[in-house]
N, C-alpha and C. Protein backbone atom coordinates (compact mmCIF):
# COMPACT_ATOMS: atom_id res chain seq x y z
N MET A 1 -212.90 29.72 -110.15
CA MET A 1 -213.64 28.57 -109.68
C MET A 1 -215.06 28.97 -109.33
N ASP A 2 -215.97 28.14 -109.73
CA ASP A 2 -217.39 28.38 -109.50
C ASP A 2 -217.83 27.71 -108.20
N THR A 3 -218.32 28.48 -107.24
CA THR A 3 -218.78 27.94 -105.96
C THR A 3 -220.17 27.34 -106.15
N LYS A 4 -220.29 26.05 -105.85
CA LYS A 4 -221.56 25.35 -106.04
C LYS A 4 -222.32 25.16 -104.73
N TYR A 5 -221.61 25.23 -103.62
CA TYR A 5 -222.23 25.04 -102.30
C TYR A 5 -221.42 25.82 -101.30
N SER A 6 -222.05 26.63 -100.50
CA SER A 6 -221.37 27.40 -99.46
C SER A 6 -222.34 27.59 -98.30
N GLU A 7 -222.11 26.85 -97.22
CA GLU A 7 -223.05 26.87 -96.09
C GLU A 7 -222.34 26.82 -94.76
N HIS A 8 -222.95 27.46 -93.78
CA HIS A 8 -222.57 27.32 -92.37
C HIS A 8 -223.49 26.25 -91.77
N PRO A 9 -223.05 25.56 -90.73
CA PRO A 9 -223.95 24.61 -90.07
C PRO A 9 -225.17 25.34 -89.51
N ALA A 10 -226.30 24.67 -89.56
CA ALA A 10 -227.54 25.22 -89.02
C ALA A 10 -227.55 25.07 -87.51
N MET A 11 -228.09 26.06 -86.84
CA MET A 11 -228.09 26.03 -85.37
C MET A 11 -229.32 25.29 -84.84
N PHE A 12 -230.49 25.81 -85.10
CA PHE A 12 -231.72 25.23 -84.57
C PHE A 12 -232.00 23.87 -85.20
N LYS A 13 -231.87 23.79 -86.52
CA LYS A 13 -232.22 22.56 -87.23
C LYS A 13 -231.33 21.38 -86.86
N ASN A 14 -230.09 21.64 -86.50
CA ASN A 14 -229.18 20.56 -86.17
C ASN A 14 -229.49 19.93 -84.81
N ASN A 15 -229.94 20.73 -83.86
CA ASN A 15 -230.22 20.23 -82.52
C ASN A 15 -231.40 21.00 -81.93
N PRO A 16 -232.63 20.71 -82.38
CA PRO A 16 -233.78 21.49 -81.91
C PRO A 16 -234.04 21.35 -80.41
N LEU A 17 -233.81 20.18 -79.85
CA LEU A 17 -234.05 20.01 -78.42
C LEU A 17 -233.05 20.80 -77.59
N GLY A 18 -231.79 20.81 -78.01
CA GLY A 18 -230.78 21.61 -77.32
C GLY A 18 -231.08 23.09 -77.42
N PHE A 19 -231.59 23.51 -78.58
CA PHE A 19 -231.96 24.91 -78.77
C PHE A 19 -233.10 25.30 -77.83
N LEU A 20 -234.13 24.47 -77.76
CA LEU A 20 -235.26 24.77 -76.89
C LEU A 20 -234.85 24.78 -75.42
N LEU A 21 -233.98 23.85 -75.04
CA LEU A 21 -233.48 23.83 -73.66
C LEU A 21 -232.70 25.11 -73.35
N SER A 22 -231.91 25.57 -74.30
CA SER A 22 -231.16 26.82 -74.10
C SER A 22 -232.11 28.00 -73.94
N ILE A 23 -233.18 28.02 -74.73
CA ILE A 23 -234.17 29.10 -74.63
C ILE A 23 -234.82 29.08 -73.24
N LEU A 24 -235.12 27.88 -72.75
CA LEU A 24 -235.74 27.77 -71.43
C LEU A 24 -234.80 28.20 -70.31
N LEU A 25 -233.49 28.09 -70.55
CA LEU A 25 -232.50 28.47 -69.54
C LEU A 25 -232.12 29.96 -69.59
N ILE A 26 -232.70 30.72 -70.52
CA ILE A 26 -232.39 32.15 -70.61
C ILE A 26 -232.72 32.89 -69.30
N PRO A 27 -233.86 32.64 -68.66
CA PRO A 27 -234.13 33.35 -67.41
C PRO A 27 -233.08 33.09 -66.33
N VAL A 28 -232.45 31.94 -66.36
CA VAL A 28 -231.42 31.62 -65.37
C VAL A 28 -230.11 32.31 -65.75
N GLY A 29 -229.96 32.68 -67.00
CA GLY A 29 -228.73 33.34 -67.45
C GLY A 29 -227.78 32.42 -68.19
N ILE A 30 -227.94 31.14 -67.99
CA ILE A 30 -227.05 30.18 -68.65
C ILE A 30 -227.40 30.06 -70.13
N GLY A 31 -228.67 30.15 -70.44
CA GLY A 31 -229.14 29.96 -71.81
C GLY A 31 -228.51 30.93 -72.79
N ILE A 32 -228.37 32.18 -72.41
CA ILE A 32 -227.78 33.18 -73.32
C ILE A 32 -226.33 32.84 -73.62
N ILE A 33 -225.60 32.40 -72.62
CA ILE A 33 -224.19 32.03 -72.83
C ILE A 33 -224.10 30.83 -73.76
N ILE A 34 -224.93 29.82 -73.53
CA ILE A 34 -224.93 28.63 -74.38
C ILE A 34 -225.27 29.00 -75.82
N LEU A 35 -226.32 29.81 -76.01
CA LEU A 35 -226.73 30.20 -77.35
C LEU A 35 -225.65 31.04 -78.06
N LEU A 36 -225.00 31.92 -77.33
CA LEU A 36 -223.95 32.75 -77.92
C LEU A 36 -222.77 31.90 -78.39
N ILE A 37 -222.31 30.99 -77.54
CA ILE A 37 -221.19 30.12 -77.91
C ILE A 37 -221.58 29.23 -79.09
N TRP A 38 -222.78 28.70 -79.06
CA TRP A 38 -223.27 27.83 -80.13
C TRP A 38 -223.37 28.61 -81.45
N TYR A 39 -223.90 29.83 -81.39
CA TYR A 39 -224.02 30.68 -82.57
C TYR A 39 -222.65 30.97 -83.18
N LEU A 40 -221.70 31.36 -82.33
CA LEU A 40 -220.36 31.66 -82.82
C LEU A 40 -219.69 30.43 -83.43
N LYS A 41 -219.91 29.28 -82.83
CA LYS A 41 -219.34 28.04 -83.37
C LYS A 41 -219.93 27.73 -84.75
N CYS A 42 -221.23 27.92 -84.91
CA CYS A 42 -221.87 27.67 -86.20
C CYS A 42 -221.40 28.67 -87.26
N LYS A 43 -221.34 29.93 -86.90
CA LYS A 43 -220.97 30.96 -87.87
C LYS A 43 -219.48 30.98 -88.18
N SER A 44 -218.67 30.35 -87.34
CA SER A 44 -217.23 30.33 -87.61
C SER A 44 -216.81 29.07 -88.37
N THR A 45 -217.77 28.28 -88.81
CA THR A 45 -217.51 27.10 -89.63
C THR A 45 -218.19 27.29 -90.98
N LEU A 46 -217.44 27.10 -92.04
CA LEU A 46 -217.96 27.27 -93.40
C LEU A 46 -217.46 26.13 -94.26
N LEU A 47 -218.36 25.50 -95.01
CA LEU A 47 -217.99 24.47 -95.97
C LEU A 47 -218.37 24.95 -97.36
N GLU A 48 -217.41 24.92 -98.26
CA GLU A 48 -217.64 25.34 -99.65
C GLU A 48 -217.21 24.23 -100.58
N VAL A 49 -217.98 24.05 -101.65
CA VAL A 49 -217.61 23.13 -102.72
C VAL A 49 -217.56 23.94 -104.00
N THR A 50 -216.41 23.86 -104.67
CA THR A 50 -216.26 24.49 -105.98
C THR A 50 -216.24 23.37 -107.02
N ASP A 51 -215.95 23.71 -108.24
CA ASP A 51 -215.92 22.69 -109.28
C ASP A 51 -214.71 21.75 -109.16
N ARG A 52 -213.69 22.12 -108.37
CA ARG A 52 -212.49 21.29 -108.23
C ARG A 52 -212.13 20.89 -106.81
N GLU A 53 -212.61 21.63 -105.80
CA GLU A 53 -212.17 21.34 -104.45
C GLU A 53 -213.25 21.59 -103.41
N LEU A 54 -213.02 21.03 -102.24
CA LEU A 54 -213.87 21.22 -101.08
C LEU A 54 -213.04 21.95 -100.04
N VAL A 55 -213.58 23.01 -99.47
CA VAL A 55 -212.85 23.83 -98.50
C VAL A 55 -213.69 23.93 -97.23
N VAL A 56 -213.04 23.65 -96.09
CA VAL A 56 -213.67 23.82 -94.78
C VAL A 56 -212.85 24.82 -94.01
N GLU A 57 -213.49 25.91 -93.58
CA GLU A 57 -212.83 26.92 -92.76
C GLU A 57 -213.48 26.91 -91.39
N ARG A 58 -212.62 26.86 -90.36
CA ARG A 58 -213.10 26.89 -88.98
C ARG A 58 -212.32 27.94 -88.22
N GLY A 59 -213.00 28.56 -87.28
CA GLY A 59 -212.33 29.50 -86.40
C GLY A 59 -212.88 30.89 -86.50
N LEU A 60 -212.79 31.60 -85.37
CA LEU A 60 -213.27 32.97 -85.30
C LEU A 60 -212.10 33.94 -85.38
N LEU A 61 -211.17 33.84 -84.47
CA LEU A 61 -210.00 34.72 -84.48
C LEU A 61 -208.85 34.09 -85.24
N SER A 62 -208.54 32.84 -84.95
CA SER A 62 -207.55 32.12 -85.74
C SER A 62 -208.31 31.15 -86.65
N LYS A 63 -207.87 31.04 -87.87
CA LYS A 63 -208.57 30.25 -88.87
C LYS A 63 -207.83 28.96 -89.16
N ASP A 64 -208.58 27.89 -89.32
CA ASP A 64 -208.07 26.60 -89.76
C ASP A 64 -208.77 26.30 -91.07
N ARG A 65 -207.99 26.15 -92.13
CA ARG A 65 -208.56 25.94 -93.47
C ARG A 65 -208.07 24.59 -94.01
N THR A 66 -209.02 23.74 -94.38
CA THR A 66 -208.71 22.45 -94.97
C THR A 66 -209.22 22.44 -96.40
N GLU A 67 -208.34 22.15 -97.34
CA GLU A 67 -208.71 22.08 -98.75
C GLU A 67 -208.49 20.66 -99.25
N LEU A 68 -209.52 20.11 -99.87
CA LEU A 68 -209.43 18.77 -100.42
C LEU A 68 -209.77 18.82 -101.90
N SER A 69 -208.96 18.18 -102.71
CA SER A 69 -209.27 18.04 -104.13
C SER A 69 -210.41 17.04 -104.26
N LEU A 70 -211.41 17.37 -105.05
CA LEU A 70 -212.55 16.47 -105.21
C LEU A 70 -212.12 15.14 -105.83
N SER A 71 -211.07 15.16 -106.63
CA SER A 71 -210.60 13.91 -107.23
C SER A 71 -209.97 12.99 -106.20
N GLY A 72 -209.55 13.52 -105.05
CA GLY A 72 -208.94 12.71 -104.00
C GLY A 72 -209.92 12.18 -102.98
N VAL A 73 -211.17 12.57 -103.07
CA VAL A 73 -212.18 12.11 -102.11
C VAL A 73 -212.56 10.67 -102.45
N ARG A 74 -212.45 9.81 -101.45
CA ARG A 74 -212.75 8.40 -101.64
C ARG A 74 -214.20 8.07 -101.28
N THR A 75 -214.65 8.57 -100.13
CA THR A 75 -216.00 8.26 -99.63
C THR A 75 -216.61 9.49 -98.99
N VAL A 76 -217.92 9.65 -99.18
CA VAL A 76 -218.68 10.71 -98.51
C VAL A 76 -219.83 10.03 -97.77
N ASN A 77 -219.84 10.16 -96.45
CA ASN A 77 -220.92 9.60 -95.63
C ASN A 77 -221.81 10.71 -95.13
N VAL A 78 -223.12 10.46 -95.18
CA VAL A 78 -224.11 11.40 -94.65
C VAL A 78 -224.80 10.71 -93.48
N TYR A 79 -224.79 11.36 -92.33
CA TYR A 79 -225.46 10.87 -91.13
C TYR A 79 -226.62 11.81 -90.82
N GLN A 80 -227.81 11.23 -90.62
CA GLN A 80 -228.97 12.04 -90.26
C GLN A 80 -229.79 11.32 -89.19
N SER A 81 -230.04 12.02 -88.10
CA SER A 81 -230.94 11.48 -87.09
C SER A 81 -232.38 11.73 -87.56
N PHE A 82 -233.32 11.28 -86.77
CA PHE A 82 -234.73 11.50 -87.09
C PHE A 82 -235.04 12.99 -87.24
N PHE A 83 -234.61 13.79 -86.25
CA PHE A 83 -234.86 15.23 -86.31
C PHE A 83 -234.08 15.89 -87.45
N ASN A 84 -232.87 15.41 -87.71
CA ASN A 84 -232.09 15.95 -88.83
C ASN A 84 -232.83 15.75 -90.15
N ARG A 85 -233.42 14.58 -90.34
CA ARG A 85 -234.16 14.32 -91.59
C ARG A 85 -235.37 15.23 -91.70
N ILE A 86 -236.07 15.45 -90.59
CA ILE A 86 -237.24 16.32 -90.61
C ILE A 86 -236.84 17.74 -91.02
N PHE A 87 -235.71 18.24 -90.48
CA PHE A 87 -235.29 19.61 -90.75
C PHE A 87 -234.35 19.75 -91.95
N GLY A 88 -233.99 18.65 -92.60
CA GLY A 88 -233.19 18.73 -93.82
C GLY A 88 -231.73 19.06 -93.60
N VAL A 89 -231.17 18.64 -92.47
CA VAL A 89 -229.74 18.86 -92.20
C VAL A 89 -229.09 17.51 -91.90
N GLY A 90 -227.78 17.50 -91.84
CA GLY A 90 -227.08 16.26 -91.53
C GLY A 90 -225.61 16.49 -91.30
N LYS A 91 -224.95 15.41 -90.91
CA LYS A 91 -223.51 15.43 -90.68
C LYS A 91 -222.83 14.78 -91.88
N ILE A 92 -221.81 15.45 -92.39
CA ILE A 92 -221.04 14.94 -93.53
C ILE A 92 -219.67 14.50 -93.02
N ALA A 93 -219.25 13.31 -93.42
CA ALA A 93 -217.90 12.83 -93.15
C ALA A 93 -217.25 12.51 -94.49
N ILE A 94 -216.10 13.11 -94.75
CA ILE A 94 -215.42 12.95 -96.03
C ILE A 94 -214.10 12.23 -95.78
N PHE A 95 -213.91 11.14 -96.51
CA PHE A 95 -212.72 10.30 -96.37
C PHE A 95 -211.86 10.42 -97.62
N THR A 96 -210.56 10.50 -97.42
CA THR A 96 -209.63 10.49 -98.55
C THR A 96 -208.86 9.18 -98.52
N ALA A 97 -207.60 9.20 -98.20
CA ALA A 97 -206.78 7.99 -98.27
C ALA A 97 -206.81 7.16 -96.99
N GLY A 98 -207.01 7.76 -95.85
CA GLY A 98 -206.91 7.03 -94.58
C GLY A 98 -208.23 6.42 -94.14
N ASP A 99 -208.18 5.81 -92.94
CA ASP A 99 -209.37 5.20 -92.37
C ASP A 99 -210.22 6.19 -91.59
N ASP A 100 -209.62 7.30 -91.16
CA ASP A 100 -210.35 8.32 -90.41
C ASP A 100 -210.85 9.40 -91.37
N ALA A 101 -211.96 10.01 -90.99
CA ALA A 101 -212.52 11.07 -91.83
C ALA A 101 -211.58 12.27 -91.87
N GLU A 102 -211.35 12.76 -93.04
CA GLU A 102 -210.51 13.95 -93.21
C GLU A 102 -211.26 15.19 -92.74
N VAL A 103 -212.57 15.23 -93.04
CA VAL A 103 -213.41 16.36 -92.67
C VAL A 103 -214.74 15.83 -92.15
N GLU A 104 -215.20 16.38 -91.02
CA GLU A 104 -216.54 16.10 -90.49
C GLU A 104 -217.18 17.42 -90.10
N VAL A 105 -218.37 17.65 -90.62
CA VAL A 105 -219.12 18.87 -90.27
C VAL A 105 -220.56 18.47 -90.05
N ALA A 106 -221.09 18.82 -88.89
CA ALA A 106 -222.48 18.49 -88.54
C ALA A 106 -223.37 19.70 -88.77
N GLY A 107 -224.64 19.43 -89.05
CA GLY A 107 -225.64 20.49 -89.17
C GLY A 107 -225.70 21.16 -90.52
N LEU A 108 -225.15 20.55 -91.55
CA LEU A 108 -225.16 21.18 -92.87
C LEU A 108 -226.50 21.01 -93.56
N PRO A 109 -227.03 22.09 -94.12
CA PRO A 109 -228.28 22.00 -94.86
C PRO A 109 -228.11 21.16 -96.13
N ASP A 110 -229.11 20.37 -96.44
CA ASP A 110 -229.18 19.58 -97.67
C ASP A 110 -227.93 18.74 -97.91
N PRO A 111 -227.61 17.82 -96.99
CA PRO A 111 -226.36 17.06 -97.11
C PRO A 111 -226.32 16.12 -98.31
N HIS A 112 -227.49 15.65 -98.76
CA HIS A 112 -227.49 14.75 -99.93
C HIS A 112 -227.13 15.51 -101.21
N ARG A 113 -227.57 16.76 -101.30
CA ARG A 113 -227.17 17.60 -102.44
C ARG A 113 -225.66 17.83 -102.42
N LEU A 114 -225.12 18.03 -101.23
CA LEU A 114 -223.67 18.21 -101.10
C LEU A 114 -222.93 16.96 -101.57
N ARG A 115 -223.39 15.80 -101.15
CA ARG A 115 -222.76 14.54 -101.59
C ARG A 115 -222.82 14.41 -103.12
N GLU A 116 -223.95 14.76 -103.72
CA GLU A 116 -224.08 14.68 -105.17
C GLU A 116 -223.14 15.67 -105.88
N LEU A 117 -222.98 16.87 -105.32
CA LEU A 117 -222.05 17.84 -105.90
C LEU A 117 -220.62 17.32 -105.86
N ILE A 118 -220.26 16.66 -104.78
CA ILE A 118 -218.91 16.09 -104.67
C ILE A 118 -218.73 14.98 -105.70
N LYS A 119 -219.74 14.13 -105.87
CA LYS A 119 -219.66 13.06 -106.87
C LYS A 119 -219.54 13.63 -108.28
N GLN A 120 -220.31 14.67 -108.56
CA GLN A 120 -220.21 15.31 -109.89
C GLN A 120 -218.83 15.89 -110.11
N GLY A 121 -218.25 16.49 -109.08
CA GLY A 121 -216.91 17.04 -109.18
C GLY A 121 -215.87 15.96 -109.40
N GLN A 122 -216.07 14.79 -108.80
CA GLN A 122 -215.15 13.67 -109.01
C GLN A 122 -215.22 13.17 -110.45
N GLU A 123 -216.43 13.09 -110.98
CA GLU A 123 -216.60 12.60 -112.36
C GLU A 123 -216.02 13.58 -113.37
N ALA A 124 -216.11 14.87 -113.06
CA ALA A 124 -215.59 15.88 -113.97
C ALA A 124 -214.06 15.94 -113.95
N ALA A 125 -213.45 15.52 -112.83
CA ALA A 125 -211.98 15.60 -112.69
C ALA A 125 -211.27 14.50 -113.45
């Protein structure tokens, strides 16, 4: 399988104000803890799109892996705030058969490209 998209959520670009607030809190000691937890959360989430499936892996010590066939994806929603649009990131919600999103990942770089890759994979299937 050919991997067409493989990204971790962006840290600064997804929430620049939260990032700056954390930096300002470093002298107090809280900022380093917030940044470390945030960094680990971002790096322990991975979204990959291949030519046939979408895979989301979450977790640092224990892993949660969700695999979706691109042919089973019904809807892909992209959410972008003002700052998200400026920095080129967004939240993706992927729906299959139910009313609730099967997968939601925030802070992904180039979310519109991701949506197009999923649509291309659906057409190819």
